[in-house]
């Protein structure tokens, strides 16, 4: 049987939107309960988002490109589509 952290990790990767919204709600409620300034809540959210990206990359799934800049695969696909519609 797999451990609880492993199952939670799989769930986070499978449901990123639910995880993001849930984490945001918890952060806002925690910020209100502890009377934290909004910048602290925003910084905590950014930190969780960064950790989420690192976690997804380590698990082999991340929707962000590996390198910044234009995506050559997408540009090549658009050129091929353009050639078909021209001829």
Protein backbone atom coordinates (compact mmCIF):
# COMPACT_ATOMS: atom_id res chain seq x y z
CA UNK A 1 0.00 0.00 0.00
CA UNK A 2 1.27 3.45 -0.91
CA UNK A 3 1.89 6.07 1.73
CA UNK A 4 -0.42 9.00 2.35
CA UNK A 5 2.12 11.61 1.10
CA UNK A 6 2.54 9.66 -2.15
CA UNK A 7 -1.21 9.49 -2.73
CA UNK A 8 -1.58 13.20 -1.92
CA UNK A 9 1.23 14.00 -4.35
CA UNK A 10 -0.59 12.09 -7.11
CA UNK A 11 -3.81 13.94 -6.31
CA UNK A 12 -2.09 17.36 -6.48
CA UNK A 13 -0.64 16.54 -9.92
CA UNK A 14 -3.98 15.18 -11.17
CA UNK A 15 -6.12 18.09 -9.89
CA UNK A 16 -4.03 21.30 -10.11
CA UNK A 17 -6.99 23.69 -10.33
CA UNK A 18 -8.76 22.25 -7.29
CA UNK A 19 -5.46 22.28 -5.38
CA UNK A 20 -4.76 25.91 -6.36
CA UNK A 21 -8.22 27.19 -5.47
CA UNK A 22 -8.27 25.22 -2.22
CA UNK A 23 -4.84 26.52 -1.20
CA UNK A 24 -5.90 30.08 -2.02
CA UNK A 25 -9.06 29.82 0.09
CA UNK A 26 -7.11 28.40 3.03
CA UNK A 27 -4.48 31.15 2.76
CA UNK A 28 -7.08 33.93 2.67
CA UNK A 29 -8.97 32.49 5.65
CA UNK A 30 -5.73 32.03 7.57
CA UNK A 31 -4.70 35.59 6.74
CA UNK A 32 -8.02 36.93 7.98
CA UNK A 33 -7.95 34.83 11.15
CA UNK A 34 -4.40 35.90 12.04
CA UNK A 35 -4.86 39.53 10.90
CA UNK A 36 -1.96 39.24 8.45
CA UNK A 37 -1.28 42.02 5.94
CA UNK A 38 -2.36 41.15 2.38
CA UNK A 39 1.23 41.17 1.12
CA UNK A 40 2.06 38.27 3.46
CA UNK A 41 -0.86 36.24 2.10
CA UNK A 42 0.16 37.05 -1.49
CA UNK A 43 3.78 36.10 -0.79
CA UNK A 44 2.68 32.81 0.77
CA UNK A 45 0.52 32.08 -2.28
CA UNK A 46 3.43 32.82 -4.61
CA UNK A 47 5.68 30.53 -2.58
CA UNK A 48 3.14 27.70 -2.72
CA UNK A 49 2.74 28.25 -6.46
CA UNK A 50 6.50 28.06 -6.97
CA UNK A 51 6.71 24.89 -4.91
CA UNK A 52 3.82 23.46 -6.92
CA UNK A 53 5.75 24.03 -10.17
CA UNK A 54 8.90 22.45 -8.74
CA UNK A 55 6.86 19.48 -7.51
CA UNK A 56 5.20 19.01 -10.91
CA UNK A 57 8.53 19.17 -12.74
CA UNK A 58 10.03 16.62 -10.36
CA UNK A 59 7.07 14.31 -11.00
CA UNK A 60 7.56 14.71 -14.76
CA UNK A 61 4.52 16.87 -15.45
CA UNK A 62 4.52 20.60 -15.84
CA UNK A 63 2.55 22.69 -18.35
CA UNK A 64 5.26 25.37 -18.39
CA UNK A 65 7.88 25.21 -21.16
CA UNK A 66 11.33 23.98 -20.15
CA UNK A 67 13.00 27.02 -21.71
CA UNK A 68 11.61 30.53 -22.13
CA UNK A 69 11.06 31.84 -25.61
CA UNK A 70 9.06 30.87 -28.68
CA UNK A 71 8.02 27.27 -29.05
CA UNK A 72 9.49 25.96 -32.33
CA UNK A 73 7.22 22.92 -32.42
CA UNK A 74 4.14 25.10 -32.29
CA UNK A 75 5.53 27.44 -34.97
CA UNK A 76 6.37 24.48 -37.24
CA UNK A 77 2.85 23.09 -36.82
CA UNK A 78 1.30 26.46 -37.70
CA UNK A 79 3.49 26.72 -40.81
CA UNK A 80 2.40 23.25 -41.94
CA UNK A 81 -1.25 24.20 -41.46
CA UNK A 82 -0.71 27.40 -43.39
CA UNK A 83 0.88 25.53 -46.31
CA UNK A 84 -2.08 23.14 -46.53
CA UNK A 85 -4.66 25.93 -46.62
CA UNK A 86 -2.70 27.91 -49.24
CA UNK A 87 -2.49 25.09 -51.80
